[in-house]
Structure formats: C-alpha cells, structure tokens
C-alpha cells in the first residue's frame, strides 16, 4: 500500500463510493475519471491509476464501509462480488 500511496495524499474516500471505485479500476480505462470531490482534491494521473489497477488485481479482496459494524472492513474478492450482486 505504501508504494501506491507514497506520493499522494489519498488517505480517505467518500463512504459509499467503494463500488464505483472498484468498477472504475475494473474497467481498465482511466477516462472518464472516477467520482467527484475525492479525486478532484487528490488528482490521479494515468500512471497512478495503473498502479491502483495492479493493486486491485493482486489484493484478492476489497475494503468497504459496513454499516452493521460502523467500520471499514476487508473481504475477499469472492465475497465482494457476491455482495455487490445483491
């Protein structure tokens, strides 16, 4: 994670945008850029985007806000895919 975020103040995201961020990375195309606010405040260039895509592919899971526990949690890629299909 440090290698991806070392040059960017990218330490937060908007709760609820996890699915849109995941889909943006899964698409494999930098344009159109993801979301409002977060990435406008923290510009992401194409090289950074490619690093995020690589991390997404290698991580084997995803972070998301889970209302039931009031926290950001990690789940496997398979669990994430099932969750977003609902």
N, C-alpha and C. Protein backbone atom coordinates (compact mmCIF):
# COMPACT_ATOMS: atom_id res chain seq x y z
N UNK A 1 0.83 -1.19 0.00
CA UNK A 1 0.00 0.00 0.00
C UNK A 1 0.87 1.25 0.00
N UNK A 2 1.94 1.23 0.76
CA UNK A 2 2.81 2.39 0.82
C UNK A 2 3.32 2.76 -0.57
N UNK A 3 3.69 1.74 -1.37
CA UNK A 3 4.20 2.01 -2.72
C UNK A 3 3.18 2.72 -3.59
N UNK A 4 1.92 2.42 -3.40
CA UNK A 4 0.88 3.04 -4.21
C UNK A 4 0.60 4.45 -3.74
N UNK A 5 0.55 4.67 -2.44
CA UNK A 5 0.10 5.95 -1.91
C UNK A 5 1.21 6.89 -1.46
N UNK A 6 2.48 6.54 -1.68
CA UNK A 6 3.58 7.31 -1.13
C UNK A 6 3.61 8.77 -1.61
N UNK A 7 3.22 9.06 -2.83
CA UNK A 7 3.33 10.40 -3.38
C UNK A 7 2.01 11.15 -3.40
N UNK A 8 0.99 10.63 -2.78
CA UNK A 8 -0.33 11.22 -2.88
C UNK A 8 -1.00 11.26 -1.52
N UNK A 9 -1.67 12.36 -1.22
CA UNK A 9 -2.46 12.45 0.00
C UNK A 9 -3.83 11.84 -0.30
N UNK A 10 -3.87 10.52 -0.35
CA UNK A 10 -5.05 9.78 -0.77
C UNK A 10 -5.44 8.86 0.39
N UNK A 11 -5.67 9.48 1.54
CA UNK A 11 -5.86 8.71 2.77
C UNK A 11 -7.32 8.55 3.16
N UNK A 12 -8.23 8.99 2.30
CA UNK A 12 -9.65 8.86 2.62
C UNK A 12 -10.45 8.73 1.33
N UNK A 13 -11.65 8.25 1.48
CA UNK A 13 -12.56 8.22 0.34
C UNK A 13 -13.95 8.50 0.87
N UNK A 14 -14.86 8.75 -0.02
CA UNK A 14 -16.24 9.01 0.38
C UNK A 14 -16.92 7.67 0.67
N UNK A 15 -17.44 7.52 1.86
CA UNK A 15 -18.15 6.31 2.24
C UNK A 15 -19.26 6.08 1.22
N UNK A 16 -19.37 4.85 0.77
CA UNK A 16 -20.39 4.50 -0.20
C UNK A 16 -19.91 4.53 -1.64
N UNK A 17 -18.68 5.00 -1.87
CA UNK A 17 -18.17 5.06 -3.24
C UNK A 17 -17.31 3.85 -3.60
N UNK A 18 -17.25 2.87 -2.72
CA UNK A 18 -16.37 1.72 -2.94
C UNK A 18 -16.72 0.95 -4.21
N UNK A 19 -18.00 0.76 -4.47
CA UNK A 19 -18.41 0.02 -5.67
C UNK A 19 -18.03 0.79 -6.93
N UNK A 20 -18.29 2.09 -6.95
CA UNK A 20 -17.94 2.90 -8.12
C UNK A 20 -16.43 2.91 -8.34
N UNK A 21 -15.65 3.00 -7.27
CA UNK A 21 -14.20 2.97 -7.40
C UNK A 21 -13.73 1.62 -7.93
N UNK A 22 -14.29 0.54 -7.41
CA UNK A 22 -13.93 -0.80 -7.88
C UNK A 22 -14.26 -0.95 -9.37
N UNK A 23 -15.42 -0.49 -9.78
CA UNK A 23 -15.82 -0.60 -11.19
C UNK A 23 -14.92 0.24 -12.09
N UNK A 24 -14.50 1.42 -11.60
CA UNK A 24 -13.60 2.28 -12.37
C UNK A 24 -12.27 1.56 -12.60
N UNK A 25 -11.76 0.91 -11.58
CA UNK A 25 -10.50 0.19 -11.72
C UNK A 25 -10.67 -1.07 -12.57
N UNK A 26 -11.79 -1.76 -12.42
CA UNK A 26 -12.04 -2.98 -13.19
C UNK A 26 -12.15 -2.66 -14.68
N UNK A 27 -12.65 -1.50 -15.00
CA UNK A 27 -12.83 -1.10 -16.40
C UNK A 27 -11.50 -1.03 -17.14
N UNK A 28 -10.43 -0.65 -16.42
CA UNK A 28 -9.12 -0.59 -17.04
C UNK A 28 -8.90 0.61 -17.94
N UNK A 29 -9.76 1.59 -17.81
CA UNK A 29 -9.65 2.81 -18.62
C UNK A 29 -9.70 4.01 -17.70
N UNK A 30 -8.66 4.81 -17.74
CA UNK A 30 -8.54 5.98 -16.87
C UNK A 30 -9.66 6.99 -17.11
N UNK A 31 -10.05 7.16 -18.35
CA UNK A 31 -11.11 8.11 -18.69
C UNK A 31 -12.43 7.39 -18.93
N UNK A 32 -13.57 7.92 -18.55
CA UNK A 32 -13.66 9.14 -17.75
C UNK A 32 -13.23 8.88 -16.32
N UNK A 33 -12.74 9.90 -15.69
CA UNK A 33 -12.23 9.78 -14.33
C UNK A 33 -13.34 9.51 -13.34
N UNK A 34 -12.94 8.91 -12.24
CA UNK A 34 -13.88 8.48 -11.21
C UNK A 34 -14.32 9.64 -10.33
N UNK A 35 -15.61 9.69 -10.07
CA UNK A 35 -16.19 10.47 -9.00
C UNK A 35 -15.96 11.96 -8.99
N UNK A 36 -16.46 12.55 -7.94
CA UNK A 36 -16.28 13.97 -7.69
C UNK A 36 -15.67 14.14 -6.31
N UNK A 37 -15.08 15.26 -6.09
CA UNK A 37 -14.57 15.57 -4.76
C UNK A 37 -13.26 14.88 -4.46
N UNK A 38 -13.32 13.61 -4.15
CA UNK A 38 -12.13 12.89 -3.69
C UNK A 38 -10.99 12.99 -4.69
N UNK A 39 -11.24 12.60 -5.93
CA UNK A 39 -10.16 12.61 -6.90
C UNK A 39 -9.89 14.01 -7.44
N UNK A 40 -10.85 14.89 -7.33
CA UNK A 40 -10.60 16.27 -7.71
C UNK A 40 -9.68 16.92 -6.68
N UNK A 41 -9.85 16.55 -5.41
CA UNK A 41 -8.99 17.06 -4.35
C UNK A 41 -7.62 16.41 -4.40
N UNK A 42 -7.54 15.19 -4.88
CA UNK A 42 -6.31 14.41 -4.95
C UNK A 42 -6.13 13.91 -6.37
N UNK A 43 -5.60 14.75 -7.25
CA UNK A 43 -5.50 14.36 -8.66
C UNK A 43 -4.76 13.03 -8.85
N UNK A 44 -5.30 12.21 -9.71
CA UNK A 44 -4.73 10.92 -10.04
C UNK A 44 -4.36 10.94 -11.51
N UNK A 45 -3.10 10.64 -11.81
CA UNK A 45 -2.71 10.59 -13.22
C UNK A 45 -2.81 9.15 -13.71
N UNK A 46 -2.53 8.94 -14.99
CA UNK A 46 -2.69 7.60 -15.57
C UNK A 46 -1.74 6.58 -14.96
N UNK A 47 -0.51 6.99 -14.64
CA UNK A 47 0.44 6.06 -14.02
C UNK A 47 -0.06 5.61 -12.64
N UNK A 48 -0.61 6.55 -11.88
CA UNK A 48 -1.16 6.22 -10.57
C UNK A 48 -2.35 5.28 -10.71
N UNK A 49 -3.20 5.58 -11.70
CA UNK A 49 -4.36 4.73 -11.99
C UNK A 49 -3.92 3.30 -12.29
N UNK A 50 -2.89 3.17 -13.11
CA UNK A 50 -2.39 1.82 -13.44
C UNK A 50 -1.87 1.10 -12.21
N UNK A 51 -1.23 1.82 -11.30
CA UNK A 51 -0.76 1.21 -10.05
C UNK A 51 -1.95 0.74 -9.21
N UNK A 52 -3.02 1.55 -9.16
CA UNK A 52 -4.22 1.15 -8.42
C UNK A 52 -4.86 -0.09 -9.05
N UNK A 53 -4.91 -0.14 -10.37
CA UNK A 53 -5.47 -1.32 -11.06
C UNK A 53 -4.67 -2.57 -10.71
N UNK A 54 -3.35 -2.45 -10.72
CA UNK A 54 -2.49 -3.59 -10.39
C UNK A 54 -2.73 -4.04 -8.96
N UNK A 55 -2.80 -3.09 -8.04
CA UNK A 55 -3.05 -3.43 -6.64
C UNK A 55 -4.40 -4.12 -6.49
N UNK A 56 -5.42 -3.60 -7.16
CA UNK A 56 -6.75 -4.22 -7.10
C UNK A 56 -6.69 -5.67 -7.56
N UNK A 57 -5.97 -5.91 -8.64
CA UNK A 57 -5.88 -7.26 -9.20
C UNK A 57 -5.10 -8.21 -8.31
N UNK A 58 -4.10 -7.69 -7.61
CA UNK A 58 -3.26 -8.56 -6.77
C UNK A 58 -3.78 -8.72 -5.35
N UNK A 59 -4.65 -7.82 -4.90
CA UNK A 59 -5.05 -7.80 -3.49
C UNK A 59 -5.93 -8.98 -3.08
N UNK A 60 -6.77 -9.45 -3.96
CA UNK A 60 -7.63 -10.58 -3.62
C UNK A 60 -8.82 -10.22 -2.76
N UNK A 61 -9.11 -8.93 -2.65
CA UNK A 61 -10.25 -8.51 -1.84
C UNK A 61 -10.49 -7.02 -1.99
N UNK A 62 -11.34 -6.49 -1.12
CA UNK A 62 -11.73 -5.09 -1.23
C UNK A 62 -12.11 -4.55 0.13
N UNK A 63 -11.83 -3.28 0.36
CA UNK A 63 -12.26 -2.58 1.57
C UNK A 63 -13.60 -1.91 1.28
N UNK A 64 -14.48 -1.93 2.27
CA UNK A 64 -15.74 -1.19 2.11
C UNK A 64 -16.30 -0.85 3.48
N UNK A 65 -17.19 0.14 3.51
CA UNK A 65 -17.85 0.56 4.74
C UNK A 65 -18.99 -0.40 5.01
N UNK A 66 -18.98 -1.02 6.19
CA UNK A 66 -20.03 -1.94 6.57
C UNK A 66 -20.86 -1.27 7.67
N UNK A 67 -22.09 -0.90 7.31
CA UNK A 67 -22.96 -0.20 8.26
C UNK A 67 -23.18 -0.97 9.55
N UNK A 68 -23.33 -2.29 9.43
CA UNK A 68 -23.65 -3.11 10.61
C UNK A 68 -22.60 -3.02 11.71
N UNK A 69 -21.36 -2.78 11.35
CA UNK A 69 -20.30 -2.68 12.37
C UNK A 69 -19.76 -1.26 12.49
N UNK A 70 -20.22 -0.37 11.62
CA UNK A 70 -19.78 1.02 11.67
C UNK A 70 -18.30 1.19 11.42
N UNK A 71 -17.77 0.42 10.47
CA UNK A 71 -16.34 0.48 10.21
C UNK A 71 -16.04 0.04 8.78
N UNK A 72 -14.82 0.33 8.36
CA UNK A 72 -14.32 -0.15 7.08
C UNK A 72 -13.79 -1.55 7.32
N UNK A 73 -14.21 -2.49 6.48
CA UNK A 73 -13.80 -3.89 6.64
C UNK A 73 -13.23 -4.42 5.33
N UNK A 74 -12.43 -5.46 5.45
CA UNK A 74 -11.82 -6.14 4.30
C UNK A 74 -12.56 -7.44 4.07
N UNK A 75 -12.90 -7.72 2.81
CA UNK A 75 -13.49 -9.01 2.46
C UNK A 75 -12.80 -9.53 1.20
N UNK A 76 -12.89 -10.84 1.00
CA UNK A 76 -12.27 -11.44 -0.18
C UNK A 76 -12.95 -10.95 -1.45
N UNK A 77 -12.28 -11.12 -2.56
CA UNK A 77 -12.86 -10.73 -3.86
C UNK A 77 -14.16 -11.47 -4.11
N UNK A 78 -14.20 -12.77 -3.79
CA UNK A 78 -15.41 -13.56 -4.00
C UNK A 78 -16.56 -13.02 -3.14
N UNK A 79 -16.28 -12.68 -1.88
CA UNK A 79 -17.32 -12.11 -1.01
C UNK A 79 -17.79 -10.76 -1.54
N UNK A 80 -16.84 -9.93 -1.98
CA UNK A 80 -17.19 -8.62 -2.53
C UNK A 80 -18.08 -8.76 -3.76
N UNK A 81 -17.71 -9.67 -4.66
CA UNK A 81 -18.52 -9.88 -5.87
C UNK A 81 -19.94 -10.32 -5.52
N UNK A 82 -20.06 -11.21 -4.54
CA UNK A 82 -21.40 -11.64 -4.11
C UNK A 82 -22.18 -10.49 -3.49
N UNK A 83 -21.51 -9.69 -2.69
CA UNK A 83 -22.15 -8.56 -2.02
C UNK A 83 -22.71 -7.55 -3.03
N UNK A 84 -21.94 -7.23 -4.04
CA UNK A 84 -22.38 -6.20 -4.99
C UNK A 84 -23.39 -6.72 -6.00
N UNK A 85 -23.51 -8.04 -6.12
CA UNK A 85 -24.53 -8.61 -7.00
C UNK A 85 -25.92 -8.51 -6.39
N UNK A 86 -26.00 -8.34 -5.09
CA UNK A 86 -27.30 -8.32 -4.40
C UNK A 86 -28.11 -7.10 -4.77
